Amino acid sequence: MARPIWTGTLSFGLLNVPVSLMSGERSVDLHFRMLDSRSNTPVRYERVNAETGEEVPWKEIVKAFEYEKGSYVVLEPEDIKSAASEGREAVEVEAFVDADSIGPEYFEKPYVLVPGKKAEKGYVLFRETLKRTGKIGIARVVIRTREYLSAVMPKGDALMLMLLRYPQELVDVNDYKIPEGAASKHRISPKEMQMAEQLIDSMSSNWNPDDYRDEFRDRLRKVIEKRLKSKGVVTPAIDEEAETPENATTNVVDFMALLQKSLASKKRTPAQKHSSKSARKSGSKKASVAKKPVAKKASATKKTTKRAAARKAS
């Protein structure tokens, strides 16, 4: 089972629903290692000082902002943390907008909000209210050290949290040369338009995501499996299943009273803070030993020559 990115609250008005933030995507890319073709040993990427060429240990590396070419201002970890929001483990809904009012270019990455123990009622209340009103919640959420704009929306029985791009991250389409105006302005005839519509109608179907696969990945995997069989390599199965930590228990909440208070005050309750610790695991390095073939010595043989003189008598 996947582990939650963090465990906190989903808050709107005075209601706080304990949730866990889970990843909503799965990496299916085939990852490759770089090898030295002479010995088939892995090539390691190192952190090297640009001036001295020496490797720099992690403990000596700091983050800096290059404000001019070759000029930097160093930032401490506390500087970055101070810029983040205080509600580090909360999805704080600030407003509700129509579900179809956000363009597709703003959506970036999906997450799943999973309710904590005894938090099902608040979770379902929020989900069903969004469905009935056709709204989605606009919220801010801090993931690790960065604050994101996000949208909370229903998806079947689940609540999805979609990270949104800020307007500053999008390129204005007017920066590019785009053909403007109606079809007639570009000498498109009504007959051409009718035929194009007929083509689209003939190719129209219901959206079924299961009908589509990454065919390049499938073909590449077959090539890898063929290589493995030809080399006689056996890959052991790895069990990566890990236990999922239990969510925090919550008390029974009078949702009617909280809703009434929220409507009256129109104020949000600051989210509860939860301290989280992250452990870093250092990977062990394996040294590979290359065997060199031993040269064989050839024994020298001595050649003997015989002298024979034969004269024929005439």
C-alpha atoms as a PDB file:
ATOM      1  CA  MET A   1       0.000   0.000   0.000  1.00  0.00           C
ATOM      2  CA  ALA A   2       1.113   3.528  -0.749  1.00  0.00           C
ATOM      3  CA  ARG A   3       1.930   5.791   2.154  1.00  0.00           C
ATOM      4  CA  PRO A   4       0.264   9.183   2.628  1.00  0.00           C
ATOM      5  CA  ILE A   5       2.239  12.275   1.727  1.00  0.00           C
ATOM      6  CA  TRP A   6       0.870  13.865   4.880  1.00  0.00           C
ATOM      7  CA  THR A   7      -2.056  13.467   7.260  1.00  0.00           C
ATOM      8  CA  GLY A   8      -3.990  16.602   8.137  1.00  0.00           C
ATOM      9  CA  THR A   9      -7.380  18.240   7.612  1.00  0.00           C
ATOM     10  CA  LEU A  10      -9.706  19.393   4.868  1.00  0.00           C
ATOM     11  CA  SER A  11     -11.259  22.602   6.154  1.00  0.00           C
ATOM     12  CA  PHE A  12     -14.074  24.788   4.860  1.00  0.00           C
ATOM     13  CA  GLY A  13     -15.905  27.231   7.099  1.00  0.00           C
ATOM     14  CA  LEU A  14     -15.751  25.842  10.619  1.00  0.00           C
ATOM     15  CA  LEU A  15     -15.731  22.228   9.459  1.00  0.00           C
ATOM     16  CA  ASN A  16     -12.473  20.254   9.656  1.00  0.00           C
ATOM     17  CA  VAL A  17     -12.409  16.790   8.089  1.00  0.00           C
ATOM     18  CA  PRO A  18      -9.336  14.656   8.910  1.00  0.00           C
ATOM     19  CA  VAL A  19      -7.837  13.363   5.650  1.00  0.00           C
ATOM     20  CA  SER A  20      -4.704  11.799   4.244  1.00  0.00           C
ATOM     21  CA  LEU A  21      -3.166  13.150   1.059  1.00  0.00           C
ATOM     22  CA  MET A  22      -2.404  10.269  -1.293  1.00  0.00           C
ATOM     23  CA  SER A  23      -0.784  10.356  -4.714  1.00  0.00           C
ATOM     24  CA  GLY A  24      -3.256  10.160  -7.575  1.00  0.00           C
ATOM     25  CA  GLU A  25      -0.815   9.104 -10.264  1.00  0.00           C
ATOM     26  CA  ARG A  26       1.482   6.157 -10.901  1.00  0.00           C
ATOM     27  CA  SER A  27       4.802   6.249 -12.725  1.00  0.00           C
ATOM     28  CA  VAL A  28       4.867   3.711 -15.550  1.00  0.00           C
ATOM     29  CA  ASP A  29       8.018   4.919 -17.280  1.00  0.00           C
ATOM     30  CA  LEU A  30      10.807   2.439 -17.924  1.00  0.00           C
ATOM     31  CA  HIS A  31      13.918   3.697 -16.155  1.00  0.00           C
ATOM     32  CA  PHE A  32      17.374   3.070 -17.575  1.00  0.00           C
ATOM     33  CA  ARG A  33      20.824   3.067 -15.995  1.00  0.00           C
ATOM     34  CA  MET A  34      23.886   4.497 -17.691  1.00  0.00           C
ATOM     35  CA  LEU A  35      26.720   1.950 -17.999  1.00  0.00           C
ATOM     36  CA  ASP A  36      30.336   2.102 -19.067  1.00  0.00           C
ATOM     37  CA  SER A  37      30.350   0.088 -22.320  1.00  0.00           C
ATOM     38  CA  ARG A  38      33.894  -1.149 -21.613  1.00  0.00           C
ATOM     39  CA  SER A  39      33.027  -2.992 -18.394  1.00  0.00           C
ATOM     40  CA  ASN A  40      29.203  -2.725 -18.055  1.00  0.00           C
ATOM     41  CA  THR A  41      29.593  -0.990 -14.691  1.00  0.00           C
ATOM     42  CA  PRO A  42      27.153   1.770 -13.634  1.00  0.00           C
ATOM     43  CA  VAL A  43      28.097   5.379 -14.308  1.00  0.00           C
ATOM     44  CA  ARG A  44      27.658   7.510 -11.195  1.00  0.00           C
ATOM     45  CA  TYR A  45      26.611  11.150 -11.209  1.00  0.00           C
ATOM     46  CA  GLU A  46      28.619  13.211  -8.776  1.00  0.00           C
ATOM     47  CA  ARG A  47      28.267  16.698  -7.312  1.00  0.00           C
ATOM     48  CA  VAL A  48      31.422  18.434  -8.493  1.00  0.00           C
ATOM     49  CA  ASN A  49      32.764  21.879  -7.677  1.00  0.00           C
ATOM     50  CA  ALA A  50      32.805  23.819 -10.959  1.00  0.00           C
ATOM     51  CA  GLU A  51      36.169  25.449 -10.166  1.00  0.00           C
ATOM     52  CA  THR A  52      38.191  22.781  -8.374  1.00  0.00           C
ATOM     53  CA  GLY A  53      36.631  19.687  -9.946  1.00  0.00           C
ATOM     54  CA  GLU A  54      36.393  18.054  -6.495  1.00  0.00           C
ATOM     55  CA  GLU A  55      33.301  16.164  -5.346  1.00  0.00           C
ATOM     56  CA  VAL A  56      31.134  18.102  -2.869  1.00  0.00           C
ATOM     57  CA  PRO A  57      29.456  16.174  -0.003  1.00  0.00           C
ATOM     58  CA  TRP A  58      25.732  16.715   0.595  1.00  0.00           C
ATOM     59  CA  LYS A  59      26.321  18.392   3.969  1.00  0.00           C
ATOM     60  CA  GLU A  60      28.281  21.180   2.251  1.00  0.00           C
ATOM     61  CA  ILE A  61      25.602  21.946  -0.358  1.00  0.00           C
ATOM     62  CA  VAL A  62      23.312  24.954   0.187  1.00  0.00           C
ATOM     63  CA  LYS A  63      20.526  26.503  -1.876  1.00  0.00           C
ATOM     64  CA  ALA A  64      21.105  29.901  -3.446  1.00  0.00           C
ATOM     65  CA  PHE A  65      19.345  32.301  -5.813  1.00  0.00           C
ATOM     66  CA  GLU A  66      21.344  33.722  -8.724  1.00  0.00           C
ATOM     67  CA  TYR A  67      20.179  37.360  -8.867  1.00  0.00           C
ATOM     68  CA  GLU A  68      22.901  38.286 -11.375  1.00  0.00           C
ATOM     69  CA  LYS A  69      25.204  36.247 -13.573  1.00  0.00           C
ATOM     70  CA  GLY A  70      27.715  34.698 -11.161  1.00  0.00           C
ATOM     71  CA  SER A  71      26.235  36.458  -8.098  1.00  0.00           C
ATOM     72  CA  TYR A  72      24.235  34.478  -5.555  1.00  0.00           C
ATOM     73  CA  VAL A  73      22.342  34.981  -2.320  1.00  0.00           C
ATOM     74  CA  VAL A  74      22.407  31.925  -0.042  1.00  0.00           C
ATOM     75  CA  LEU A  75      19.146  30.783   1.573  1.00  0.00           C
ATOM     76  CA  GLU A  76      19.009  28.818   4.799  1.00  0.00           C
ATOM     77  CA  PRO A  77      16.399  26.045   5.309  1.00  0.00           C
ATOM     78  CA  GLU A  78      14.643  28.307   7.829  1.00  0.00           C
ATOM     79  CA  ASP A  79      14.286  31.009   5.163  1.00  0.00           C
ATOM     80  CA  ILE A  80      12.370  28.676   2.869  1.00  0.00           C
ATOM     81  CA  LYS A  81      10.192  27.363   5.711  1.00  0.00           C
ATOM     82  CA  SER A  82       9.318  30.894   6.807  1.00  0.00           C
ATOM     83  CA  ALA A  83       7.899  31.656   3.356  1.00  0.00           C
ATOM     84  CA  ALA A  84       5.500  28.685   3.510  1.00  0.00           C
ATOM     85  CA  SER A  85       2.006  28.932   4.926  1.00  0.00           C
ATOM     86  CA  GLU A  86       1.366  28.085   8.575  1.00  0.00           C
ATOM     87  CA  GLY A  87      -1.268  25.500   7.641  1.00  0.00           C
ATOM     88  CA  ARG A  88       1.339  23.019   6.506  1.00  0.00           C
ATOM     89  CA  GLU A  89      -0.898  19.974   6.875  1.00  0.00           C
ATOM     90  CA  ALA A  90      -4.252  21.345   5.824  1.00  0.00           C
ATOM     91  CA  VAL A  91      -6.278  21.837   2.669  1.00  0.00           C
ATOM     92  CA  GLU A  92      -7.904  25.189   3.419  1.00  0.00           C
ATOM     93  CA  VAL A  93     -10.770  25.899   1.031  1.00  0.00           C
ATOM     94  CA  GLU A  94     -11.010  29.644   0.441  1.00  0.00           C
ATOM     95  CA  ALA A  95     -13.796  29.819  -2.154  1.00  0.00           C
ATOM     96  CA  PHE A  96     -16.140  27.756  -4.315  1.00  0.00           C
ATOM     97  CA  VAL A  97     -16.454  28.222  -8.086  1.00  0.00           C
ATOM     98  CA  ASP A  98     -18.388  26.559 -10.904  1.00  0.00           C
ATOM     99  CA  ALA A  99     -16.827  23.234 -11.896  1.00  0.00           C
ATOM    100  CA  ASP A 100     -16.556  24.238 -15.580  1.00  0.00           C
ATOM    101  CA  SER A 101     -15.106  27.695 -14.937  1.00  0.00           C
ATOM    102  CA  ILE A 102     -11.465  26.542 -14.753  1.00  0.00           C
ATOM    103  CA  GLY A 103      -9.726  25.908 -18.067  1.00  0.00           C
ATOM    104  CA  PRO A 104      -7.864  22.606 -18.608  1.00  0.00           C
ATOM    105  CA  GLU A 105      -4.544  24.442 -18.837  1.00  0.00           C
ATOM    106  CA  TYR A 106      -4.679  25.180 -15.101  1.00  0.00           C
ATOM    107  CA  PHE A 107      -4.834  21.539 -13.954  1.00  0.00           C
ATOM    108  CA  GLU A 108      -1.437  20.027 -13.209  1.00  0.00           C
ATOM    109  CA  LYS A 109      -1.324  16.998 -10.892  1.00  0.00           C
ATOM    110  CA  PRO A 110      -3.922  14.776  -9.179  1.00  0.00           C
ATOM    111  CA  TYR A 111      -4.061  13.627  -5.562  1.00  0.00           C
ATOM    112  CA  VAL A 112      -6.675  11.644  -3.637  1.00  0.00           C
ATOM    113  CA  LEU A 113      -8.056  12.806  -0.285  1.00  0.00           C
ATOM    114  CA  VAL A 114      -8.757   9.781   1.923  1.00  0.00           C
ATOM    115  CA  PRO A 115     -10.887  10.321   5.057  1.00  0.00           C
ATOM    116  CA  GLY A 116      -9.479   9.539   8.481  1.00  0.00           C
ATOM    117  CA  LYS A 117     -11.130   7.243  10.996  1.00  0.00           C
ATOM    118  CA  LYS A 118     -14.604   8.416  12.072  1.00  0.00           C
ATOM    119  CA  ALA A 119     -14.397  11.236   9.504  1.00  0.00           C
ATOM    120  CA  GLU A 120     -16.659   9.614   6.925  1.00  0.00           C
ATOM    121  CA  LYS A 121     -19.681  11.823   7.680  1.00  0.00           C
ATOM    122  CA  GLY A 122     -17.882  15.114   7.091  1.00  0.00           C
ATOM    123  CA  TYR A 123     -16.177  13.657   4.018  1.00  0.00           C
ATOM    124  CA  VAL A 124     -19.458  12.503   2.455  1.00  0.00           C
ATOM    125  CA  LEU A 125     -21.179  15.783   3.386  1.00  0.00           C
ATOM    126  CA  PHE A 126     -18.540  17.773   1.546  1.00  0.00           C
ATOM    127  CA  ARG A 127     -18.521  15.399  -1.458  1.00  0.00           C
ATOM    128  CA  GLU A 128     -22.287  15.317  -1.932  1.00  0.00           C
ATOM    129  CA  THR A 129     -22.645  19.082  -1.460  1.00  0.00           C
ATOM    130  CA  LEU A 130     -20.131  19.687  -4.233  1.00  0.00           C
ATOM    131  CA  LYS A 131     -22.030  17.292  -6.509  1.00  0.00           C
ATOM    132  CA  ARG A 132     -25.401  18.937  -5.854  1.00  0.00           C
ATOM    133  CA  THR A 133     -24.166  22.479  -6.311  1.00  0.00           C
ATOM    134  CA  GLY A 134     -21.861  21.790  -9.263  1.00  0.00           C
ATOM    135  CA  LYS A 135     -19.066  23.608  -7.465  1.00  0.00           C
ATOM    136  CA  ILE A 136     -15.425  22.842  -6.735  1.00  0.00           C
ATOM    137  CA  GLY A 137     -13.408  24.219  -3.833  1.00  0.00           C
ATOM    138  CA  ILE A 138     -10.376  26.439  -4.415  1.00  0.00           C
ATOM    139  CA  ALA A 139      -7.804  25.845  -1.698  1.00  0.00           C
ATOM    140  CA  ARG A 140      -4.185  26.347  -0.740  1.00  0.00           C
ATOM    141  CA  VAL A 141      -2.090  23.401   0.351  1.00  0.00           C
ATOM    142  CA  VAL A 142       1.544  23.027   1.385  1.00  0.00           C
ATOM    143  CA  ILE A 143       3.245  19.887   0.078  1.00  0.00           C
ATOM    144  CA  ARG A 144       6.689  19.440   1.582  1.00  0.00           C
ATOM    145  CA  THR A 145       8.023  23.026   1.474  1.00  0.00           C
ATOM    146  CA  ARG A 146       6.039  24.620  -1.333  1.00  0.00           C
ATOM    147  CA  GLU A 147       2.576  26.146  -1.233  1.00  0.00           C
ATOM    148  CA  TYR A 148       0.250  25.238  -4.119  1.00  0.00           C
ATOM    149  CA  LEU A 149      -3.062  26.469  -5.412  1.00  0.00           C
ATOM    150  CA  SER A 150      -5.455  23.527  -5.691  1.00  0.00           C
ATOM    151  CA  ALA A 151      -9.005  22.490  -6.494  1.00  0.00           C
ATOM    152  CA  VAL A 152     -11.057  20.012  -4.450  1.00  0.00           C
ATOM    153  CA  MET A 153     -13.599  18.175  -6.602  1.00  0.00           C
ATOM    154  CA  PRO A 154     -15.738  15.030  -6.395  1.00  0.00           C
ATOM    155  CA  LYS A 155     -14.815  11.991  -8.474  1.00  0.00           C
ATOM    156  CA  GLY A 156     -17.267   9.146  -7.926  1.00  0.00           C
ATOM    157  CA  ASP A 157     -17.117   8.375  -4.213  1.00  0.00           C
ATOM    158  CA  ALA A 158     -13.780  10.126  -3.752  1.00  0.00           C
ATOM    159  CA  LEU A 159     -12.623  13.686  -3.276  1.00  0.00           C
ATOM    160  CA  MET A 160      -9.787  14.600  -5.601  1.00  0.00           C
ATOM    161  CA  LEU A 161      -7.294  17.368  -4.969  1.00  0.00           C
ATOM    162  CA  MET A 162      -5.930  18.775  -8.220  1.00  0.00           C
ATOM    163  CA  LEU A 163      -2.879  21.006  -8.085  1.00  0.00           C
ATOM    164  CA  LEU A 164      -3.439  24.120 -10.176  1.00  0.00           C
ATOM    165  CA  ARG A 165      -0.998  26.274 -12.078  1.00  0.00           C
ATOM    166  CA  TYR A 166      -0.843  29.950 -11.211  1.00  0.00           C
ATOM    167  CA  PRO A 167      -1.635  32.361 -14.067  1.00  0.00           C
ATOM    168  CA  GLN A 168       2.011  33.495 -14.009  1.00  0.00           C
ATOM    169  CA  GLU A 169       3.061  29.957 -14.987  1.00  0.00           C
ATOM    170  CA  LEU A 170       1.011  29.956 -18.191  1.00  0.00           C
ATOM    171  CA  VAL A 171       2.112  31.362 -21.522  1.00  0.00           C
ATOM    172  CA  ASP A 172      -0.358  33.796 -23.063  1.00  0.00           C
ATOM    173  CA  VAL A 173      -1.550  32.337 -26.372  1.00  0.00           C
ATOM    174  CA  ASN A 174      -1.369  35.852 -27.817  1.00  0.00           C
ATOM    175  CA  ASP A 175       2.420  35.531 -27.600  1.00  0.00           C
ATOM    176  CA  TYR A 176       2.188  33.193 -30.596  1.00  0.00           C
ATOM    177  CA  LYS A 177       0.955  33.760 -34.109  1.00  0.00           C
ATOM    178  CA  ILE A 178      -2.517  32.193 -34.049  1.00  0.00           C
ATOM    179  CA  PRO A 179      -4.954  32.448 -37.025  1.00  0.00           C
ATOM    180  CA  GLU A 180      -7.861  34.676 -36.017  1.00  0.00           C
ATOM    181  CA  GLY A 181     -11.361  35.179 -37.346  1.00  0.00           C
ATOM    182  CA  ALA A 182     -14.106  33.011 -38.788  1.00  0.00           C
ATOM    183  CA  ALA A 183     -13.669  30.114 -41.208  1.00  0.00           C
ATOM    184  CA  SER A 184     -14.813  32.230 -44.178  1.00  0.00           C
ATOM    185  CA  LYS A 185     -11.927  34.620 -43.534  1.00  0.00           C
ATOM    186  CA  HIS A 186      -9.533  31.767 -44.283  1.00  0.00           C
ATOM    187  CA  ARG A 187     -11.375  30.691 -47.461  1.00  0.00           C
ATOM    188  CA  ILE A 188     -12.912  27.599 -45.900  1.00  0.00           C
ATOM    189  CA  SER A 189     -16.010  26.673 -47.903  1.00  0.00           C
ATOM    190  CA  PRO A 190     -19.284  25.448 -46.335  1.00  0.00           C
ATOM    191  CA  LYS A 191     -18.760  22.109 -48.097  1.00  0.00           C
ATOM    192  CA  GLU A 192     -15.343  21.651 -46.471  1.00  0.00           C
ATOM    193  CA  MET A 193     -16.831  22.479 -43.089  1.00  0.00           C
ATOM    194  CA  GLN A 194     -19.667  19.998 -43.623  1.00  0.00           C
ATOM    195  CA  MET A 195     -17.263  17.199 -44.607  1.00  0.00           C
ATOM    196  CA  ALA A 196     -15.065  17.910 -41.577  1.00  0.00           C
ATOM    197  CA  GLU A 197     -18.125  17.715 -39.310  1.00  0.00           C
ATOM    198  CA  GLN A 198     -19.154  14.397 -40.914  1.00  0.00           C
ATOM    199  CA  LEU A 199     -15.654  13.024 -40.336  1.00  0.00           C
ATOM    200  CA  ILE A 200     -15.733  14.018 -36.671  1.00  0.00           C
ATOM    201  CA  ASP A 201     -19.212  12.518 -36.299  1.00  0.00           C
ATOM    202  CA  SER A 202     -18.053   9.216 -37.838  1.00  0.00           C
ATOM    203  CA  MET A 203     -15.107   9.032 -35.416  1.00  0.00           C
ATOM    204  CA  SER A 204     -17.061  10.082 -32.312  1.00  0.00           C
ATOM    205  CA  SER A 205     -17.359   7.657 -29.366  1.00  0.00           C
ATOM    206  CA  ASN A 206     -17.735   7.659 -25.592  1.00  0.00           C
ATOM    207  CA  TRP A 207     -14.604   8.432 -23.565  1.00  0.00           C
ATOM    208  CA  ASN A 208     -13.180   5.237 -22.098  1.00  0.00           C
ATOM    209  CA  PRO A 209      -9.642   5.722 -20.737  1.00  0.00           C
ATOM    210  CA  ASP A 210      -9.089   1.944 -20.599  1.00  0.00           C
ATOM    211  CA  ASP A 211      -9.122   1.898 -24.399  1.00  0.00           C
ATOM    212  CA  TYR A 212      -5.797   3.712 -24.471  1.00  0.00           C
ATOM    213  CA  ARG A 213      -2.389   2.392 -23.516  1.00  0.00           C
ATOM    214  CA  ASP A 214       1.171   3.575 -23.760  1.00  0.00           C
ATOM    215  CA  GLU A 215       1.988   1.419 -26.787  1.00  0.00           C
ATOM    216  CA  PHE A 216       5.589   2.612 -26.964  1.00  0.00           C
ATOM    217  CA  ARG A 217       6.149   1.420 -23.392  1.00  0.00           C
ATOM    218  CA  ASP A 218       4.564  -1.962 -24.176  1.00  0.00           C
ATOM    219  CA  ARG A 219       6.739  -2.477 -27.243  1.00  0.00           C
ATOM    220  CA  LEU A 220       9.848  -1.386 -25.376  1.00  0.00           C
ATOM    221  CA  ARG A 221       9.073  -3.789 -22.523  1.00  0.00           C
ATOM    222  CA  LYS A 222       8.832  -6.651 -25.023  1.00  0.00           C
ATOM    223  CA  VAL A 223      12.238  -5.702 -26.392  1.00  0.00           C
ATOM    224  CA  ILE A 224      13.663  -5.763 -22.847  1.00  0.00           C
ATOM    225  CA  GLU A 225      12.079  -9.149 -22.102  1.00  0.00           C
ATOM    226  CA  LYS A 226      13.542 -10.536 -25.334  1.00  0.00           C
ATOM    227  CA  ARG A 227      16.956  -9.269 -24.305  1.00  0.00           C
ATOM    228  CA  LEU A 228      16.616 -10.836 -20.866  1.00  0.00           C
ATOM    229  CA  LYS A 229      15.747 -14.235 -22.350  1.00  0.00           C
ATOM    230  CA  SER A 230      18.619 -14.135 -24.819  1.00  0.00           C
ATOM    231  CA  LYS A 231      21.086 -13.343 -22.004  1.00  0.00           C
ATOM    232  CA  GLY A 232      19.540 -15.836 -19.591  1.00  0.00           C
ATOM    233  CA  VAL A 233      18.983 -13.167 -16.927  1.00  0.00           C
ATOM    234  CA  VAL A 234      16.496 -13.850 -14.135  1.00  0.00           C
ATOM    235  CA  THR A 235      14.953 -10.868 -12.322  1.00  0.00           C
ATOM    236  CA  PRO A 236      13.830 -11.624  -8.748  1.00  0.00           C
ATOM    237  CA  ALA A 237      10.437 -10.344  -7.635  1.00  0.00           C
ATOM    238  CA  ILE A 238      10.572  -7.523  -5.109  1.00  0.00           C
ATOM    239  CA  ASP A 239       7.817  -7.081  -2.563  1.00  0.00           C
ATOM    240  CA  GLU A 240       7.521  -3.363  -1.943  1.00  0.00           C
ATOM    241  CA  GLU A 241       4.313  -3.579   0.086  1.00  0.00           C
ATOM    242  CA  ALA A 242       4.515  -1.473   3.201  1.00  0.00           C
ATOM    243  CA  GLU A 243       2.175  -0.912   6.088  1.00  0.00           C
ATOM    244  CA  THR A 244       0.030   2.192   5.978  1.00  0.00           C
ATOM    245  CA  PRO A 245       0.006   4.199   9.198  1.00  0.00           C
ATOM    246  CA  GLU A 246      -3.349   4.570  10.851  1.00  0.00           C
ATOM    247  CA  ASN A 247      -5.133   7.887  10.587  1.00  0.00           C
ATOM    248  CA  ALA A 248      -5.833   9.896  13.689  1.00  0.00           C
ATOM    249  CA  THR A 249      -9.190   9.257  15.354  1.00  0.00           C
ATOM    250  CA  THR A 250     -11.708  12.099  15.633  1.00  0.00           C
ATOM    251  CA  ASN A 251     -14.623  12.925  17.863  1.00  0.00           C
ATOM    252  CA  VAL A 252     -18.254  13.035  16.779  1.00  0.00           C
ATOM    253  CA  VAL A 253     -19.020  16.494  15.362  1.00  0.00           C
ATOM    254  CA  ASP A 254     -22.330  18.409  15.258  1.00  0.00           C
ATOM    255  CA  PHE A 255     -22.139  19.367  11.581  1.00  0.00           C
ATOM    256  CA  MET A 256     -25.438  21.295  11.653  1.00  0.00           C
ATOM    257  CA  ALA A 257     -24.172  23.643  14.357  1.00  0.00           C
ATOM    258  CA  LEU A 258     -20.860  24.175  12.579  1.00  0.00           C
ATOM    259  CA  LEU A 259     -22.580  24.894   9.289  1.00  0.00           C
ATOM    260  CA  GLN A 260     -24.864  27.438  10.935  1.00  0.00           C
ATOM    261  CA  LYS A 261     -21.919  29.153  12.616  1.00  0.00           C
ATOM    262  CA  SER A 262     -19.941  29.171   9.348  1.00  0.00           C
ATOM    263  CA  LEU A 263     -22.802  30.801   7.466  1.00  0.00           C
ATOM    264  CA  ALA A 264     -23.201  33.397  10.212  1.00  0.00           C
ATOM    265  CA  SER A 265     -19.544  34.312  10.627  1.00  0.00           C
ATOM    266  CA  LYS A 266     -18.140  33.481   7.160  1.00  0.00           C
ATOM    267  CA  LYS A 267     -14.829  32.909   8.859  1.00  0.00           C
ATOM    268  CA  ARG A 268     -12.491  29.957   8.591  1.00  0.00           C
ATOM    269  CA  THR A 269     -11.011  28.132  11.529  1.00  0.00           C
ATOM    270  CA  PRO A 270      -7.205  27.891  11.324  1.00  0.00           C
ATOM    271  CA  ALA A 271      -6.149  24.328  10.653  1.00  0.00           C
ATOM    272  CA  GLN A 272      -4.538  22.270  13.377  1.00  0.00           C
ATOM    273  CA  LYS A 273      -0.802  21.897  13.146  1.00  0.00           C
ATOM    274  CA  HIS A 274       0.769  18.492  13.089  1.00  0.00           C
ATOM    275  CA  SER A 275       4.480  17.965  13.372  1.00  0.00           C
ATOM    276  CA  SER A 276       5.983  15.573  10.872  1.00  0.00           C
ATOM    277  CA  LYS A 277       9.428  14.122  10.668  1.00  0.00           C
ATOM    278  CA  SER A 278      11.056  12.771   7.560  1.00  0.00           C
ATOM    279  CA  ALA A 279      13.794  10.205   7.665  1.00  0.00           C
ATOM    280  CA  ARG A 280      16.431  10.089   5.050  1.00  0.00           C
ATOM    281  CA  LYS A 281      17.861   6.831   3.973  1.00  0.00           C
ATOM    282  CA  SER A 282      21.273   6.759   2.485  1.00  0.00           C
ATOM    283  CA  GLY A 283      21.753   4.210  -0.239  1.00  0.00           C
ATOM    284  CA  SER A 284      24.679   1.869  -0.026  1.00  0.00           C
ATOM    285  CA  LYS A 285      27.172   1.855  -2.850  1.00  0.00           C
ATOM    286  CA  LYS A 286      28.266  -1.392  -4.395  1.00  0.00           C
ATOM    287  CA  ALA A 287      31.725  -1.707  -5.771  1.00  0.00           C
ATOM    288  CA  SER A 288      32.152  -3.868  -8.836  1.00  0.00           C
ATOM    289  CA  VAL A 289      35.311  -5.865  -9.365  1.00  0.00           C
ATOM    290  CA  ALA A 290      36.451  -6.435 -12.909  1.00  0.00           C
ATOM    291  CA  LYS A 291      38.459  -9.525 -13.728  1.00  0.00           C
ATOM    292  CA  LYS A 292      41.269  -9.275 -16.192  1.00  0.00           C
ATOM    293  CA  PRO A 293      42.148 -12.237 -18.361  1.00  0.00           C
ATOM    294  CA  VAL A 294      45.528 -13.816 -17.668  1.00  0.00           C
ATOM    295  CA  ALA A 295      47.872 -13.890 -20.627  1.00  0.00           C
ATOM    296  CA  LYS A 296      49.256 -17.290 -21.565  1.00  0.00           C
ATOM    297  CA  LYS A 297      52.968 -17.705 -22.226  1.00  0.00           C
ATOM    298  CA  ALA A 298      53.907 -19.627 -25.347  1.00  0.00           C
ATOM    299  CA  SER A 299      56.930 -21.908 -25.095  1.00  0.00           C
ATOM    300  CA  ALA A 300      59.728 -21.222 -27.569  1.00  0.00           C
ATOM    301  CA  THR A 301      60.776 -24.093 -29.777  1.00  0.00           C
ATOM    302  CA  LYS A 302      64.228 -24.472 -31.196  1.00  0.00           C
ATOM    303  CA  LYS A 303      64.632 -25.331 -34.773  1.00  0.00           C
ATOM    304  CA  THR A 304      67.423 -27.589 -35.884  1.00  0.00           C
ATOM    305  CA  THR A 305      68.864 -27.407 -39.344  1.00  0.00           C
ATOM    306  CA  LYS A 306      70.565 -30.167 -41.203  1.00  0.00           C
ATOM    307  CA  ARG A 307      73.090 -29.693 -43.915  1.00  0.00           C
ATOM    308  CA  ALA A 308      73.101 -32.201 -46.709  1.00  0.00           C
ATOM    309  CA  ALA A 309      75.265 -31.982 -49.784  1.00  0.00           C
ATOM    310  CA  ALA A 310      74.390 -34.282 -52.611  1.00  0.00           C
ATOM    311  CA  ARG A 311      76.323 -34.234 -55.722  1.00  0.00           C
ATOM    312  CA  LYS A 312      75.350 -36.179 -58.690  1.00  0.00           C
ATOM    313  CA  ALA A 313      78.052 -37.888 -60.625  1.00  0.00           C
ATOM    314  CA  SER A 314      77.806 -37.336 -64.222  1.00  0.00           C
END
